[in-house]
């Protein structure tokens, strides 16, 4: 059994983020994402459902044609094949994402 403290991470460089896989089991993958002032633009169209929780910081996403502003504690379900992107994040955004195939 592997134990990981999700608060044990190094802040990425400005404009970058790190993604750490915390668990992969059957059809579920859980990631920790640490974002530092992301101003992305890449669109994602994933084959799996994604549930996320923003644990700290803030973020703005576009899901299809809707802008969604998230603050610490907010959750969101992005269904499979739903076009989405991260527009921006604060310098201390910490996420957990759950991908369900």
Protein backbone atom coordinates (compact mmCIF):
# COMPACT_ATOMS: atom_id res chain seq x y z
CA UNK A 1 0.00 0.00 0.00
CA UNK A 2 1.35 3.42 -1.00
CA UNK A 3 0.53 6.46 1.08
CA UNK A 4 0.78 9.94 -0.44
CA UNK A 5 0.21 13.26 1.30
CA UNK A 6 -1.56 15.43 -1.26
CA UNK A 7 -0.21 18.57 0.48
CA UNK A 8 3.40 17.49 -0.06
CA UNK A 9 4.30 19.22 -3.33
CA UNK A 10 6.58 21.86 -4.79
CA UNK A 11 4.93 24.91 -6.34
CA UNK A 12 5.54 24.87 -10.11
CA UNK A 13 7.12 27.75 -11.98
CA UNK A 14 4.95 30.73 -12.91
CA UNK A 15 2.59 29.81 -15.75
CA UNK A 16 3.09 26.08 -15.23
CA UNK A 17 1.38 23.22 -13.47
CA UNK A 18 2.27 19.78 -12.20
CA UNK A 19 0.06 16.72 -12.42
CA UNK A 20 0.68 13.81 -10.05
CA UNK A 21 -1.22 10.55 -10.37
CA UNK A 22 -2.33 9.59 -6.86
CA UNK A 23 -4.35 6.51 -7.73
CA UNK A 24 -5.10 4.36 -10.75
CA UNK A 25 -7.50 1.51 -10.12
CA UNK A 26 -9.70 -0.27 -12.67
CA UNK A 27 -11.59 2.50 -14.46
CA UNK A 28 -10.70 5.36 -12.06
CA UNK A 29 -7.69 7.70 -12.02
CA UNK A 30 -7.21 10.38 -9.35
CA UNK A 31 -4.75 13.21 -9.96
CA UNK A 32 -3.42 16.10 -7.92
CA UNK A 33 -2.91 19.20 -10.04
CA UNK A 34 -0.98 22.21 -8.78
CA UNK A 35 -1.38 25.30 -10.99
CA UNK A 36 0.60 28.53 -10.79
CA UNK A 37 -1.10 31.36 -12.71
CA UNK A 38 -2.08 29.25 -15.70
CA UNK A 39 -3.26 31.24 -18.69
CA UNK A 40 -3.85 28.31 -21.00
CA UNK A 41 -5.96 28.02 -24.06
CA UNK A 42 -5.79 24.34 -24.98
CA UNK A 43 -9.16 22.69 -25.47
CA UNK A 44 -9.72 19.18 -24.09
CA UNK A 45 -12.13 16.54 -25.32
CA UNK A 46 -11.66 13.52 -23.07
CA UNK A 47 -13.02 10.01 -23.51
CA UNK A 48 -13.82 9.72 -19.78
CA UNK A 49 -15.97 11.63 -17.28
CA UNK A 50 -14.01 14.00 -15.04
CA UNK A 51 -15.11 15.12 -11.60
CA UNK A 52 -12.95 17.79 -9.98
CA UNK A 53 -12.70 19.70 -6.75
CA UNK A 54 -10.71 22.90 -6.37
CA UNK A 55 -9.15 22.59 -2.92
CA UNK A 56 -7.51 26.02 -2.81
CA UNK A 57 -7.15 29.07 -5.00
CA UNK A 58 -9.37 30.06 -7.90
CA UNK A 59 -9.87 29.17 -11.54
CA UNK A 60 -11.88 30.07 -14.61
CA UNK A 61 -12.93 27.35 -17.05
CA UNK A 62 -14.89 27.27 -20.28
CA UNK A 63 -17.10 24.21 -20.63
CA UNK A 64 -18.57 24.19 -24.14
CA UNK A 65 -19.62 27.86 -24.41
CA UNK A 66 -20.14 28.60 -20.70
CA UNK A 67 -17.59 30.38 -18.50
CA UNK A 68 -17.41 28.87 -15.01
CA UNK A 69 -15.60 30.57 -12.12
CA UNK A 70 -14.45 28.23 -9.35
CA UNK A 71 -13.30 29.03 -5.82
CA UNK A 72 -11.89 26.77 -3.13
CA UNK A 73 -14.37 24.02 -2.29
CA UNK A 74 -16.22 24.11 -5.61
CA UNK A 75 -16.75 20.88 -7.55
CA UNK A 76 -17.62 20.25 -11.18
CA UNK A 77 -18.51 17.24 -13.30
CA UNK A 78 -17.34 17.40 -16.92
CA UNK A 79 -19.01 14.60 -18.89
CA UNK A 80 -17.03 12.57 -21.41
CA UNK A 81 -16.56 14.32 -24.77
CA UNK A 82 -17.55 17.71 -23.33
CA UNK A 83 -15.25 20.31 -24.86
CA UNK A 84 -13.53 22.32 -22.09
CA UNK A 85 -10.47 24.37 -21.21
CA UNK A 86 -8.82 26.08 -18.27
CA UNK A 87 -8.76 29.80 -19.02
CA UNK A 88 -6.82 30.92 -15.94
CA UNK A 89 -5.91 29.99 -12.38
CA UNK A 90 -4.60 31.76 -9.32
CA UNK A 91 -0.98 31.29 -8.36
CA UNK A 92 -1.89 28.67 -5.76
CA UNK A 93 -4.61 26.54 -7.35
CA UNK A 94 -4.73 22.99 -5.98
CA UNK A 95 -7.09 20.46 -7.56
CA UNK A 96 -8.08 16.84 -7.22
CA UNK A 97 -9.47 15.32 -10.40
CA UNK A 98 -11.20 11.98 -10.73
CA UNK A 99 -11.35 10.45 -14.21
CA UNK A 100 -13.88 7.67 -14.70
CA UNK A 101 -13.64 5.61 -17.88
